[in-house]
Amino acid sequence: MFRIISAITLVTQDMARSVRFYESLGFTAREGASDGFTSFPVGPTWLNLIAATEPAMGPLPLWGRTIIHVDDVDAMYERVLKAGYATEAPPADAPWGERYFHVKDPDGHELSFAKPLA
C-alpha cells in the first residue's frame, strides 16, 4: 500500500543557520527558498526545513533520525568533519547490513548517512 515517503520536514529555530549547515554538507536548496520554508532535493524525495513559529528554550528535543543513503559514507564523513561538525562516532559497518554514521543538525535533528554493504 505505501510506496514512498515524498518528504521529511524538520523544524528549525534559525533558517539561515540551518541552510548553511545543509549546504555545507552538499545539499542544494531549491529555488525560492525563504525564511519560512526551504526544500532540498534528495533523489526523488525532499528534505524540508520549516521555521518554528515560537522560540524554543534551547535545542529542540530529539525526535528520531532521518536516514539518507549516499554513494560513499566515508567521503561524506570526511565532508562533515571538514565542514567543522562533530559526529557521534566514525563510520561503522552495522550488523543490519549498512555502513553508516550520525551527525546532528543545528537544531538537534539527527541525520544518518548510510550505504547498504552488499
PDB file of N, CA and C in Angstrom:
ATOM      1  N   MET A   1       0.809  -1.186   0.000  1.00  0.00           N
ATOM      2  CA  MET A   1       0.000   0.000   0.000  1.00  0.00           C
ATOM      3  C   MET A   1       0.861   1.263   0.000  1.00  0.00           C
ATOM      4  N   PHE A   2       1.878   1.348   0.860  1.00  0.00           N
ATOM      5  CA  PHE A   2       2.747   2.520   0.880  1.00  0.00           C
ATOM      6  C   PHE A   2       3.816   2.371  -0.195  1.00  0.00           C
ATOM      7  N   ARG A   3       4.141   3.471  -0.861  1.00  0.00           N
ATOM      8  CA  ARG A   3       5.113   3.390  -1.948  1.00  0.00           C
ATOM      9  C   ARG A   3       6.397   4.162  -1.691  1.00  0.00           C
ATOM     10  N   ILE A   4       6.298   5.368  -1.171  1.00  0.00           N
ATOM     11  CA  ILE A   4       7.498   6.180  -0.972  1.00  0.00           C
ATOM     12  C   ILE A   4       7.175   7.316  -0.012  1.00  0.00           C
ATOM     13  N   ILE A   5       8.145   7.739   0.759  1.00  0.00           N
ATOM     14  CA  ILE A   5       7.982   8.963   1.541  1.00  0.00           C
ATOM     15  C   ILE A   5       8.402  10.103   0.630  1.00  0.00           C
ATOM     16  N   SER A   6       7.513  11.023   0.389  1.00  0.00           N
ATOM     17  CA  SER A   6       7.779  12.140  -0.517  1.00  0.00           C
ATOM     18  C   SER A   6       8.697  13.166   0.108  1.00  0.00           C
ATOM     19  N   ALA A   7       8.541  13.412   1.414  1.00  0.00           N
ATOM     20  CA  ALA A   7       9.353  14.437   2.062  1.00  0.00           C
ATOM     21  C   ALA A   7       9.381  14.229   3.567  1.00  0.00           C
ATOM     22  N   ILE A   8      10.441  14.718   4.165  1.00  0.00           N
ATOM     23  CA  ILE A   8      10.574  14.835   5.614  1.00  0.00           C
ATOM     24  C   ILE A   8      10.709  16.331   5.878  1.00  0.00           C
ATOM     25  N   THR A   9       9.969  16.856   6.855  1.00  0.00           N
ATOM     26  CA  THR A   9      10.050  18.279   7.189  1.00  0.00           C
ATOM     27  C   THR A   9      10.516  18.424   8.635  1.00  0.00           C
ATOM     28  N   LEU A  10      11.593  19.185   8.821  1.00  0.00           N
ATOM     29  CA  LEU A  10      12.186  19.405  10.129  1.00  0.00           C
ATOM     30  C   LEU A  10      11.978  20.858  10.553  1.00  0.00           C
ATOM     31  N   VAL A  11      11.689  21.074  11.826  1.00  0.00           N
ATOM     32  CA  VAL A  11      11.523  22.428  12.353  1.00  0.00           C
ATOM     33  C   VAL A  11      12.893  23.003  12.681  1.00  0.00           C
ATOM     34  N   THR A  12      13.091  24.282  12.356  1.00  0.00           N
ATOM     35  CA  THR A  12      14.340  24.952  12.684  1.00  0.00           C
ATOM     36  C   THR A  12      14.073  26.265  13.413  1.00  0.00           C
ATOM     37  N   GLN A  13      14.939  26.589  14.347  1.00  0.00           N
ATOM     38  CA  GLN A  13      14.858  27.852  15.075  1.00  0.00           C
ATOM     39  C   GLN A  13      15.542  28.984  14.309  1.00  0.00           C
ATOM     40  N   ASP A  14      16.448  28.642  13.394  1.00  0.00           N
ATOM     41  CA  ASP A  14      17.220  29.646  12.658  1.00  0.00           C
ATOM     42  C   ASP A  14      17.427  29.134  11.233  1.00  0.00           C
ATOM     43  N   MET A  15      16.573  29.593  10.316  1.00  0.00           N
ATOM     44  CA  MET A  15      16.608  29.083   8.944  1.00  0.00           C
ATOM     45  C   MET A  15      17.963  29.314   8.281  1.00  0.00           C
ATOM     46  N   ALA A  16      18.519  30.503   8.394  1.00  0.00           N
ATOM     47  CA  ALA A  16      19.792  30.794   7.733  1.00  0.00           C
ATOM     48  C   ALA A  16      20.894  29.870   8.236  1.00  0.00           C
ATOM     49  N   ARG A  17      20.966  29.658   9.544  1.00  0.00           N
ATOM     50  CA  ARG A  17      21.973  28.769  10.129  1.00  0.00           C
ATOM     51  C   ARG A  17      21.785  27.346   9.625  1.00  0.00           C
ATOM     52  N   SER A  18      20.548  26.870   9.588  1.00  0.00           N
ATOM     53  CA  SER A  18      20.283  25.503   9.130  1.00  0.00           C
ATOM     54  C   SER A  18      20.580  25.340   7.648  1.00  0.00           C
ATOM     55  N   VAL A  19      20.213  26.321   6.837  1.00  0.00           N
ATOM     56  CA  VAL A  19      20.513  26.243   5.401  1.00  0.00           C
ATOM     57  C   VAL A  19      22.030  26.184   5.194  1.00  0.00           C
ATOM     58  N   ARG A  20      22.785  26.999   5.926  1.00  0.00           N
ATOM     59  CA  ARG A  20      24.258  26.948   5.817  1.00  0.00           C
ATOM     60  C   ARG A  20      24.772  25.555   6.168  1.00  0.00           C
ATOM     61  N   PHE A  21      24.235  24.958   7.232  1.00  0.00           N
ATOM     62  CA  PHE A  21      24.643  23.612   7.638  1.00  0.00           C
ATOM     63  C   PHE A  21      24.396  22.616   6.509  1.00  0.00           C
ATOM     64  N   TYR A  22      23.180  22.558   6.007  1.00  0.00           N
ATOM     65  CA  TYR A  22      22.852  21.573   4.968  1.00  0.00           C
ATOM     66  C   TYR A  22      23.634  21.825   3.682  1.00  0.00           C
ATOM     67  N   GLU A  23      23.800  23.081   3.301  1.00  0.00           N
ATOM     68  CA  GLU A  23      24.577  23.373   2.092  1.00  0.00           C
ATOM     69  C   GLU A  23      26.043  23.003   2.281  1.00  0.00           C
ATOM     70  N   SER A  24      26.580  23.155   3.497  1.00  0.00           N
ATOM     71  CA  SER A  24      27.982  22.776   3.727  1.00  0.00           C
ATOM     72  C   SER A  24      28.188  21.269   3.602  1.00  0.00           C
ATOM     73  N   LEU A  25      27.100  20.490   3.739  1.00  0.00           N
ATOM     74  CA  LEU A  25      27.181  19.040   3.573  1.00  0.00           C
ATOM     75  C   LEU A  25      26.927  18.608   2.133  1.00  0.00           C
ATOM     76  N   GLY A  26      26.620  19.564   1.250  1.00  0.00           N
ATOM     77  CA  GLY A  26      26.426  19.244  -0.158  1.00  0.00           C
ATOM     78  C   GLY A  26      24.997  19.291  -0.643  1.00  0.00           C
ATOM     79  N   PHE A  27      24.041  19.579   0.228  1.00  0.00           N
ATOM     80  CA  PHE A  27      22.654  19.741  -0.197  1.00  0.00           C
ATOM     81  C   PHE A  27      22.525  21.057  -0.963  1.00  0.00           C
ATOM     82  N   THR A  28      21.611  21.109  -1.916  1.00  0.00           N
ATOM     83  CA  THR A  28      21.360  22.327  -2.683  1.00  0.00           C
ATOM     84  C   THR A  28      19.915  22.743  -2.479  1.00  0.00           C
ATOM     85  N   ALA A  29      19.728  23.947  -1.957  1.00  0.00           N
ATOM     86  CA  ALA A  29      18.376  24.441  -1.704  1.00  0.00           C
ATOM     87  C   ALA A  29      17.646  24.667  -3.021  1.00  0.00           C
ATOM     88  N   ARG A  30      16.375  24.307  -3.018  1.00  0.00           N
ATOM     89  CA  ARG A  30      15.511  24.531  -4.172  1.00  0.00           C
ATOM     90  C   ARG A  30      15.317  26.028  -4.378  1.00  0.00           C
ATOM     91  N   GLU A  31      15.225  26.426  -5.607  1.00  0.00           N
ATOM     92  CA  GLU A  31      14.946  27.826  -5.927  1.00  0.00           C
ATOM     93  C   GLU A  31      13.693  28.280  -5.186  1.00  0.00           C
ATOM     94  N   GLY A  32      13.717  29.500  -4.695  1.00  0.00           N
ATOM     95  CA  GLY A  32      12.554  30.026  -3.992  1.00  0.00           C
ATOM     96  C   GLY A  32      12.577  29.758  -2.501  1.00  0.00           C
ATOM     97  N   ALA A  33      13.734  29.308  -1.966  1.00  0.00           N
ATOM     98  CA  ALA A  33      13.842  29.091  -0.523  1.00  0.00           C
ATOM     99  C   ALA A  33      13.552  30.407   0.189  1.00  0.00           C
ATOM    100  N   SER A  34      12.960  30.312   1.363  1.00  0.00           N
ATOM    101  CA  SER A  34      12.590  31.529   2.087  1.00  0.00           C
ATOM    102  C   SER A  34      12.979  31.417   3.556  1.00  0.00           C
ATOM    103  N   ASP A  35      12.725  32.478   4.300  1.00  0.00           N
ATOM    104  CA  ASP A  35      12.983  32.459   5.733  1.00  0.00           C
ATOM    105  C   ASP A  35      12.039  31.498   6.449  1.00  0.00           C
ATOM    106  N   GLY A  36      10.896  31.192   5.828  1.00  0.00           N
ATOM    107  CA  GLY A  36       9.901  30.346   6.468  1.00  0.00           C
ATOM    108  C   GLY A  36       9.941  28.890   6.061  1.00  0.00           C
ATOM    109  N   PHE A  37      10.459  28.593   4.860  1.00  0.00           N
ATOM    110  CA  PHE A  37      10.422  27.223   4.346  1.00  0.00           C
ATOM    111  C   PHE A  37      11.501  27.043   3.286  1.00  0.00           C
ATOM    112  N   THR A  38      12.280  25.974   3.401  1.00  0.00           N
ATOM    113  CA  THR A  38      13.325  25.666   2.429  1.00  0.00           C
ATOM    114  C   THR A  38      13.275  24.175   2.119  1.00  0.00           C
ATOM    115  N   SER A  39      13.449  23.816   0.850  1.00  0.00           N
ATOM    116  CA  SER A  39      13.450  22.416   0.420  1.00  0.00           C
ATOM    117  C   SER A  39      14.779  22.059  -0.220  1.00  0.00           C
ATOM    118  N   PHE A  40      15.233  20.840   0.061  1.00  0.00           N
ATOM    119  CA  PHE A  40      16.436  20.294  -0.560  1.00  0.00           C
ATOM    120  C   PHE A  40      16.057  18.982  -1.245  1.00  0.00           C
ATOM    121  N   PRO A  41      16.312  18.834  -2.555  1.00  0.00           N
ATOM    122  CA  PRO A  41      16.029  17.543  -3.192  1.00  0.00           C
ATOM    123  C   PRO A  41      17.010  16.479  -2.701  1.00  0.00           C
ATOM    124  N   VAL A  42      16.477  15.273  -2.474  1.00  0.00           N
ATOM    125  CA  VAL A  42      17.277  14.107  -2.092  1.00  0.00           C
ATOM    126  C   VAL A  42      16.759  12.969  -2.962  1.00  0.00           C
ATOM    127  N   GLY A  43      17.438  12.721  -4.090  1.00  0.00           N
ATOM    128  CA  GLY A  43      16.935  11.735  -5.042  1.00  0.00           C
ATOM    129  C   GLY A  43      15.533  12.144  -5.466  1.00  0.00           C
ATOM    130  N   PRO A  44      14.570  11.226  -5.428  1.00  0.00           N
ATOM    131  CA  PRO A  44      13.202  11.563  -5.843  1.00  0.00           C
ATOM    132  C   PRO A  44      12.365  12.167  -4.705  1.00  0.00           C
ATOM    133  N   THR A  45      12.983  12.455  -3.557  1.00  0.00           N
ATOM    134  CA  THR A  45      12.250  12.953  -2.395  1.00  0.00           C
ATOM    135  C   THR A  45      12.803  14.305  -1.952  1.00  0.00           C
ATOM    136  N   TRP A  46      12.290  14.810  -0.827  1.00  0.00           N
ATOM    137  CA  TRP A  46      12.667  16.143  -0.345  1.00  0.00           C
ATOM    138  C   TRP A  46      12.962  16.119   1.139  1.00  0.00           C
ATOM    139  N   LEU A  47      13.955  16.890   1.534  1.00  0.00           N
ATOM    140  CA  LEU A  47      14.210  17.205   2.930  1.00  0.00           C
ATOM    141  C   LEU A  47      13.850  18.678   3.079  1.00  0.00           C
ATOM    142  N   ASN A  48      12.855  18.965   3.897  1.00  0.00           N
ATOM    143  CA  ASN A  48      12.358  20.334   4.059  1.00  0.00           C
ATOM    144  C   ASN A  48      12.710  20.877   5.434  1.00  0.00           C
ATOM    145  N   LEU A  49      12.881  22.185   5.500  1.00  0.00           N
ATOM    146  CA  LEU A  49      13.034  22.891   6.765  1.00  0.00           C
ATOM    147  C   LEU A  49      11.894  23.890   6.867  1.00  0.00           C
ATOM    148  N   ILE A  50      11.265  23.960   8.033  1.00  0.00           N
ATOM    149  CA  ILE A  50      10.212  24.938   8.269  1.00  0.00           C
ATOM    150  C   ILE A  50      10.595  25.718   9.527  1.00  0.00           C
ATOM    151  N   ALA A  51      10.420  27.032   9.461  1.00  0.00           N
ATOM    152  CA  ALA A  51      10.778  27.880  10.593  1.00  0.00           C
ATOM    153  C   ALA A  51       9.797  27.682  11.741  1.00  0.00           C
ATOM    154  N   ALA A  52      10.325  27.591  12.952  1.00  0.00           N
ATOM    155  CA  ALA A  52       9.486  27.490  14.145  1.00  0.00           C
ATOM    156  C   ALA A  52       8.709  28.787  14.294  1.00  0.00           C
ATOM    157  N   THR A  53       7.491  28.669  14.733  1.00  0.00           N
ATOM    158  CA  THR A  53       6.658  29.864  14.913  1.00  0.00           C
ATOM    159  C   THR A  53       6.838  30.486  16.288  1.00  0.00           C
ATOM    160  N   GLU A  54       7.416  29.717  17.229  1.00  0.00           N
ATOM    161  CA  GLU A  54       7.688  30.238  18.569  1.00  0.00           C
ATOM    162  C   GLU A  54       9.108  29.857  18.955  1.00  0.00           C
ATOM    163  N   PRO A  55       9.829  30.750  19.639  1.00  0.00           N
ATOM    164  CA  PRO A  55      11.201  30.409  20.036  1.00  0.00           C
ATOM    165  C   PRO A  55      11.226  29.273  21.059  1.00  0.00           C
ATOM    166  N   ALA A  56      12.226  28.430  20.942  1.00  0.00           N
ATOM    167  CA  ALA A  56      12.385  27.315  21.885  1.00  0.00           C
ATOM    168  C   ALA A  56      13.347  27.718  22.993  1.00  0.00           C
ATOM    169  N   MET A  57      13.243  27.042  24.098  1.00  0.00           N
ATOM    170  CA  MET A  57      14.176  27.247  25.204  1.00  0.00           C
ATOM    171  C   MET A  57      15.301  26.226  25.041  1.00  0.00           C
ATOM    172  N   GLY A  58      16.277  26.523  24.203  1.00  0.00           N
ATOM    173  CA  GLY A  58      17.372  25.596  23.945  1.00  0.00           C
ATOM    174  C   GLY A  58      17.079  24.732  22.739  1.00  0.00           C
ATOM    175  N   PRO A  59      17.899  23.692  22.528  1.00  0.00           N
ATOM    176  CA  PRO A  59      17.707  22.822  21.364  1.00  0.00           C
ATOM    177  C   PRO A  59      16.365  22.097  21.418  1.00  0.00           C
ATOM    178  N   LEU A  60      15.837  21.825  20.239  1.00  0.00           N
ATOM    179  CA  LEU A  60      14.608  21.048  20.163  1.00  0.00           C
ATOM    180  C   LEU A  60      14.900  19.625  20.618  1.00  0.00           C
ATOM    181  N   PRO A  61      13.934  18.930  21.207  1.00  0.00           N
ATOM    182  CA  PRO A  61      14.185  17.547  21.642  1.00  0.00           C
ATOM    183  C   PRO A  61      14.400  16.633  20.436  1.00  0.00           C
ATOM    184  N   LEU A  62      15.247  15.639  20.617  1.00  0.00           N
ATOM    185  CA  LEU A  62      15.490  14.668  19.557  1.00  0.00           C
ATOM    186  C   LEU A  62      14.215  13.882  19.306  1.00  0.00           C
ATOM    187  N   TRP A  63      13.772  13.848  18.082  1.00  0.00           N
ATOM    188  CA  TRP A  63      12.523  13.177  17.748  1.00  0.00           C
ATOM    189  C   TRP A  63      12.765  11.860  17.048  1.00  0.00           C
ATOM    190  N   GLY A  64      13.932  11.663  16.508  1.00  0.00           N
ATOM    191  CA  GLY A  64      14.207  10.462  15.744  1.00  0.00           C
ATOM    192  C   GLY A  64      15.385  10.682  14.835  1.00  0.00           C
ATOM    193  N   ARG A  65      15.367  10.034  13.700  1.00  0.00           N
ATOM    194  CA  ARG A  65      16.519  10.059  12.814  1.00  0.00           C
ATOM    195  C   ARG A  65      16.043  10.015  11.372  1.00  0.00           C
ATOM    196  N   THR A  66      16.690  10.801  10.526  1.00  0.00           N
ATOM    197  CA  THR A  66      16.460  10.745   9.086  1.00  0.00           C
ATOM    198  C   THR A  66      17.656  10.024   8.477  1.00  0.00           C
ATOM    199  N   ILE A  67      17.407   8.954   7.741  1.00  0.00           N
ATOM    200  CA  ILE A  67      18.481   8.166   7.130  1.00  0.00           C
ATOM    201  C   ILE A  67      18.558   8.518   5.655  1.00  0.00           C
ATOM    202  N   ILE A  68      19.755   8.908   5.229  1.00  0.00           N
ATOM    203  CA  ILE A  68      19.981   9.311   3.835  1.00  0.00           C
ATOM    204  C   ILE A  68      21.058   8.404   3.262  1.00  0.00           C
ATOM    205  N   HIS A  69      20.719   7.665   2.210  1.00  0.00           N
ATOM    206  CA  HIS A  69      21.717   6.821   1.549  1.00  0.00           C
ATOM    207  C   HIS A  69      22.589   7.685   0.641  1.00  0.00           C
ATOM    208  N   VAL A  70      23.885   7.437   0.706  1.00  0.00           N
ATOM    209  CA  VAL A  70      24.870   8.153  -0.100  1.00  0.00           C
ATOM    210  C   VAL A  70      25.727   7.134  -0.845  1.00  0.00           C
ATOM    211  N   ASP A  71      26.457   7.606  -1.860  1.00  0.00           N
ATOM    212  CA  ASP A  71      27.326   6.713  -2.621  1.00  0.00           C
ATOM    213  C   ASP A  71      28.548   6.278  -1.826  1.00  0.00           C
ATOM    214  N   ASP A  72      29.087   7.187  -0.985  1.00  0.00           N
ATOM    215  CA  ASP A  72      30.329   6.909  -0.267  1.00  0.00           C
ATOM    216  C   ASP A  72      30.218   7.473   1.155  1.00  0.00           C
ATOM    217  N   VAL A  73      29.967   6.604   2.116  1.00  0.00           N
ATOM    218  CA  VAL A  73      29.786   7.018   3.513  1.00  0.00           C
ATOM    219  C   VAL A  73      31.057   7.670   4.057  1.00  0.00           C
ATOM    220  N   ASP A  74      32.213   7.099   3.743  1.00  0.00           N
ATOM    221  CA  ASP A  74      33.463   7.640   4.275  1.00  0.00           C
ATOM    222  C   ASP A  74      33.773   9.022   3.703  1.00  0.00           C
ATOM    223  N   ALA A  75      33.481   9.238   2.433  1.00  0.00           N
ATOM    224  CA  ALA A  75      33.675  10.563   1.836  1.00  0.00           C
ATOM    225  C   ALA A  75      32.712  11.570   2.460  1.00  0.00           C
ATOM    226  N   MET A  76      31.485  11.146   2.732  1.00  0.00           N
ATOM    227  CA  MET A  76      30.519  12.041   3.382  1.00  0.00           C
ATOM    228  C   MET A  76      30.978  12.380   4.788  1.00  0.00           C
ATOM    229  N   TYR A  77      31.512  11.405   5.498  1.00  0.00           N
ATOM    230  CA  TYR A  77      32.046  11.625   6.841  1.00  0.00           C
ATOM    231  C   TYR A  77      33.163  12.672   6.797  1.00  0.00           C
ATOM    232  N   GLU A  78      34.078  12.531   5.854  1.00  0.00           N
ATOM    233  CA  GLU A  78      35.172  13.498   5.716  1.00  0.00           C
ATOM    234  C   GLU A  78      34.632  14.890   5.407  1.00  0.00           C
ATOM    235  N   ARG A  79      33.595  14.970   4.592  1.00  0.00           N
ATOM    236  CA  ARG A  79      32.986  16.261   4.272  1.00  0.00           C
ATOM    237  C   ARG A  79      32.388  16.909   5.530  1.00  0.00           C
ATOM    238  N   VAL A  80      31.717  16.096   6.349  1.00  0.00           N
ATOM    239  CA  VAL A  80      31.135  16.595   7.604  1.00  0.00           C
ATOM    240  C   VAL A  80      32.238  17.141   8.511  1.00  0.00           C
ATOM    241  N   LEU A  81      33.323  16.380   8.660  1.00  0.00           N
ATOM    242  CA  LEU A  81      34.431  16.823   9.514  1.00  0.00           C
ATOM    243  C   LEU A  81      35.080  18.086   8.961  1.00  0.00           C
ATOM    244  N   LYS A  82      35.285  18.123   7.647  1.00  0.00           N
ATOM    245  CA  LYS A  82      35.903  19.297   7.014  1.00  0.00           C
ATOM    246  C   LYS A  82      35.038  20.545   7.202  1.00  0.00           C
ATOM    247  N   ALA A  83      33.730  20.362   7.250  1.00  0.00           N
ATOM    248  CA  ALA A  83      32.814  21.488   7.462  1.00  0.00           C
ATOM    249  C   ALA A  83      32.808  21.932   8.931  1.00  0.00           C
ATOM    250  N   GLY A  84      33.477  21.164   9.799  1.00  0.00           N
ATOM    251  CA  GLY A  84      33.613  21.558  11.189  1.00  0.00           C
ATOM    252  C   GLY A  84      32.583  20.990  12.140  1.00  0.00           C
ATOM    253  N   TYR A  85      31.886  19.926  11.735  1.00  0.00           N
ATOM    254  CA  TYR A  85      30.850  19.346  12.578  1.00  0.00           C
ATOM    255  C   TYR A  85      31.337  18.057  13.235  1.00  0.00           C
ATOM    256  N   ALA A  86      30.859  17.816  14.451  1.00  0.00           N
ATOM    257  CA  ALA A  86      31.216  16.613  15.189  1.00  0.00           C
ATOM    258  C   ALA A  86      30.174  15.528  14.938  1.00  0.00           C
ATOM    259  N   THR A  87      30.619  14.289  14.953  1.00  0.00           N
ATOM    260  CA  THR A  87      29.722  13.143  14.810  1.00  0.00           C
ATOM    261  C   THR A  87      29.782  12.313  16.090  1.00  0.00           C
ATOM    262  N   GLU A  88      28.805  11.426  16.255  1.00  0.00           N
ATOM    263  CA  GLU A  88      28.804  10.528  17.415  1.00  0.00           C
ATOM    264  C   GLU A  88      30.012   9.601  17.394  1.00  0.00           C
ATOM    265  N   ALA A  89      30.336   9.100  16.206  1.00  0.00           N
ATOM    266  CA  ALA A  89      31.420   8.138  16.026  1.00  0.00           C
ATOM    267  C   ALA A  89      31.767   8.102  14.542  1.00  0.00           C
ATOM    268  N   PRO A  90      32.933   7.569  14.202  1.00  0.00           N
ATOM    269  CA  PRO A  90      33.268   7.430  12.779  1.00  0.00           C
ATOM    270  C   PRO A  90      32.380   6.385  12.107  1.00  0.00           C
ATOM    271  N   PRO A  91      32.396   6.316  10.781  1.00  0.00           N
ATOM    272  CA  PRO A  91      31.593   5.314  10.085  1.00  0.00           C
ATOM    273  C   PRO A  91      31.894   3.905  10.580  1.00  0.00           C
ATOM    274  N   ALA A  92      30.845   3.086  10.601  1.00  0.00           N
ATOM    275  CA  ALA A  92      30.976   1.699  11.053  1.00  0.00           C
ATOM    276  C   ALA A  92      30.053   0.818  10.227  1.00  0.00           C
ATOM    277  N   ASP A  93      30.436  -0.447  10.130  1.00  0.00           N
ATOM    278  CA  ASP A  93      29.591  -1.443   9.474  1.00  0.00           C
ATOM    279  C   ASP A  93      28.651  -2.018  10.531  1.00  0.00           C
ATOM    280  N   ALA A  94      27.358  -1.930  10.260  1.00  0.00           N
ATOM    281  CA  ALA A  94      26.342  -2.370  11.216  1.00  0.00           C
ATOM    282  C   ALA A  94      25.918  -3.804  10.928  1.00  0.00           C
ATOM    283  N   PRO A  95      25.475  -4.531  11.956  1.00  0.00           N
ATOM    284  CA  PRO A  95      25.028  -5.910  11.753  1.00  0.00           C
ATOM    285  C   PRO A  95      23.798  -6.023  10.858  1.00  0.00           C
ATOM    286  N   TRP A  96      23.048  -4.929  10.670  1.00  0.00           N
ATOM    287  CA  TRP A  96      21.868  -4.968   9.794  1.00  0.00           C
ATOM    288  C   TRP A  96      22.228  -4.723   8.333  1.00  0.00           C
ATOM    289  N   GLY A  97      23.541  -4.572   8.025  1.00  0.00           N
ATOM    290  CA  GLY A  97      23.974  -4.548   6.636  1.00  0.00           C
ATOM    291  C   GLY A  97      24.164  -3.172   6.017  1.00  0.00           C
ATOM    292  N   GLU A  98      24.473  -2.179   6.829  1.00  0.00           N
ATOM    293  CA  GLU A  98      24.763  -0.842   6.301  1.00  0.00           C
ATOM    294  C   GLU A  98      26.042  -0.312   6.919  1.00  0.00           C
ATOM    295  N   ARG A  99      26.757   0.503   6.161  1.00  0.00           N
ATOM    296  CA  ARG A  99      27.841   1.323   6.706  1.00  0.00           C
ATOM    297  C   ARG A  99      27.201   2.673   6.959  1.00  0.00           C
ATOM    298  N   TYR A 100      27.455   3.275   8.128  1.00  0.00           N
ATOM    299  CA  TYR A 100      26.727   4.490   8.493  1.00  0.00           C
ATOM    300  C   TYR A 100      27.494   5.323   9.516  1.00  0.00           C
ATOM    301  N   PHE A 101      27.043   6.568   9.686  1.00  0.00           N
ATOM    302  CA  PHE A 101      27.422   7.418  10.811  1.00  0.00           C
ATOM    303  C   PHE A 101      26.313   8.444  11.004  1.00  0.00           C
ATOM    304  N   HIS A 102      26.323   9.099  12.169  1.00  0.00           N
ATOM    305  CA  HIS A 102      25.296  10.078  12.514  1.00  0.00           C
ATOM    306  C   HIS A 102      25.916  11.445  12.773  1.00  0.00           C
ATOM    307  N   VAL A 103      25.151  12.483  12.442  1.00  0.00           N
ATOM    308  CA  VAL A 103      25.516  13.863  12.775  1.00  0.00           C
ATOM    309  C   VAL A 103      24.222  14.602  13.093  1.00  0.00           C
ATOM    310  N   LYS A 104      24.290  15.549  14.021  1.00  0.00           N
ATOM    311  CA  LYS A 104      23.106  16.343  14.356  1.00  0.00           C
ATOM    312  C   LYS A 104      23.179  17.695  13.665  1.00  0.00           C
ATOM    313  N   ASP A 105      22.025  18.158  13.184  1.00  0.00           N
ATOM    314  CA  ASP A 105      21.965  19.493  12.587  1.00  0.00           C
ATOM    315  C   ASP A 105      21.906  20.529  13.716  1.00  0.00           C
ATOM    316  N   PRO A 106      21.937  21.820  13.392  1.00  0.00           N
ATOM    317  CA  PRO A 106      21.975  22.844  14.444  1.00  0.00           C
ATOM    318  C   PRO A 106      20.785  22.820  15.405  1.00  0.00           C
ATOM    319  N   ASP A 107      19.667  22.226  15.005  1.00  0.00           N
ATOM    320  CA  ASP A 107      18.504  22.145  15.880  1.00  0.00           C
ATOM    321  C   ASP A 107      18.410  20.819  16.622  1.00  0.00           C
ATOM    322  N   GLY A 108      19.409  19.952  16.459  1.00  0.00           N
ATOM    323  CA  GLY A 108      19.423  18.679  17.167  1.00  0.00           C
ATOM    324  C   GLY A 108      18.791  17.525  16.418  1.00  0.00           C
ATOM    325  N   HIS A 109      18.332  17.744  15.183  1.00  0.00           N
ATOM    326  CA  HIS A 109      17.785  16.644  14.384  1.00  0.00           C
ATOM    327  C   HIS A 109      18.943  15.743  13.960  1.00  0.00           C
ATOM    328  N   GLU A 110      18.773  14.443  14.136  1.00  0.00           N
ATOM    329  CA  GLU A 110      19.835  13.507  13.804  1.00  0.00           C
ATOM    330  C   GLU A 110      19.720  13.034  12.364  1.00  0.00           C
ATOM    331  N   LEU A 111      20.836  13.122  11.640  1.00  0.00           N
ATOM    332  CA  LEU A 111      20.932  12.612  10.275  1.00  0.00           C
ATOM    333  C   LEU A 111      21.850  11.406  10.296  1.00  0.00           C
ATOM    334  N   SER A 112      21.452  10.352   9.630  1.00  0.00           N
ATOM    335  CA  SER A 112      22.284   9.182   9.461  1.00  0.00           C
ATOM    336  C   SER A 112      22.605   9.057   7.977  1.00  0.00           C
ATOM    337  N   PHE A 113      23.889   9.079   7.658  1.00  0.00           N
ATOM    338  CA  PHE A 113      24.317   8.862   6.273  1.00  0.00           C
ATOM    339  C   PHE A 113      24.751   7.412   6.180  1.00  0.00           C
ATOM    340  N   ALA A 114      24.195   6.680   5.226  1.00  0.00           N
ATOM    341  CA  ALA A 114      24.391   5.239   5.171  1.00  0.00           C
ATOM    342  C   ALA A 114      24.474   4.728   3.738  1.00  0.00           C
ATOM    343  N   LYS A 115      24.976   3.502   3.634  1.00  0.00           N
ATOM    344  CA  LYS A 115      25.014   2.790   2.352  1.00  0.00           C
ATOM    345  C   LYS A 115      24.923   1.295   2.654  1.00  0.00           C
ATOM    346  N   PRO A 116      24.053   0.573   1.922  1.00  0.00           N
ATOM    347  CA  PRO A 116      23.995  -0.879   2.111  1.00  0.00           C
ATOM    348  C   PRO A 116      25.366  -1.512   1.820  1.00  0.00           C
ATOM    349  N   LEU A 117      25.732  -2.516   2.592  1.00  0.00           N
ATOM    350  CA  LEU A 117      27.030  -3.158   2.429  1.00  0.00           C
ATOM    351  C   LEU A 117      27.090  -4.105   1.235  1.00  0.00           C
ATOM    352  N   ALA A 118      26.003  -4.725   0.899  1.00  0.00           N
ATOM    353  CA  ALA A 118      26.049  -5.724  -0.172  1.00  0.00           C
ATOM    354  C   ALA A 118      25.802  -5.159  -1.506  1.00  0.00           C
TER     355      ALA A 118
END
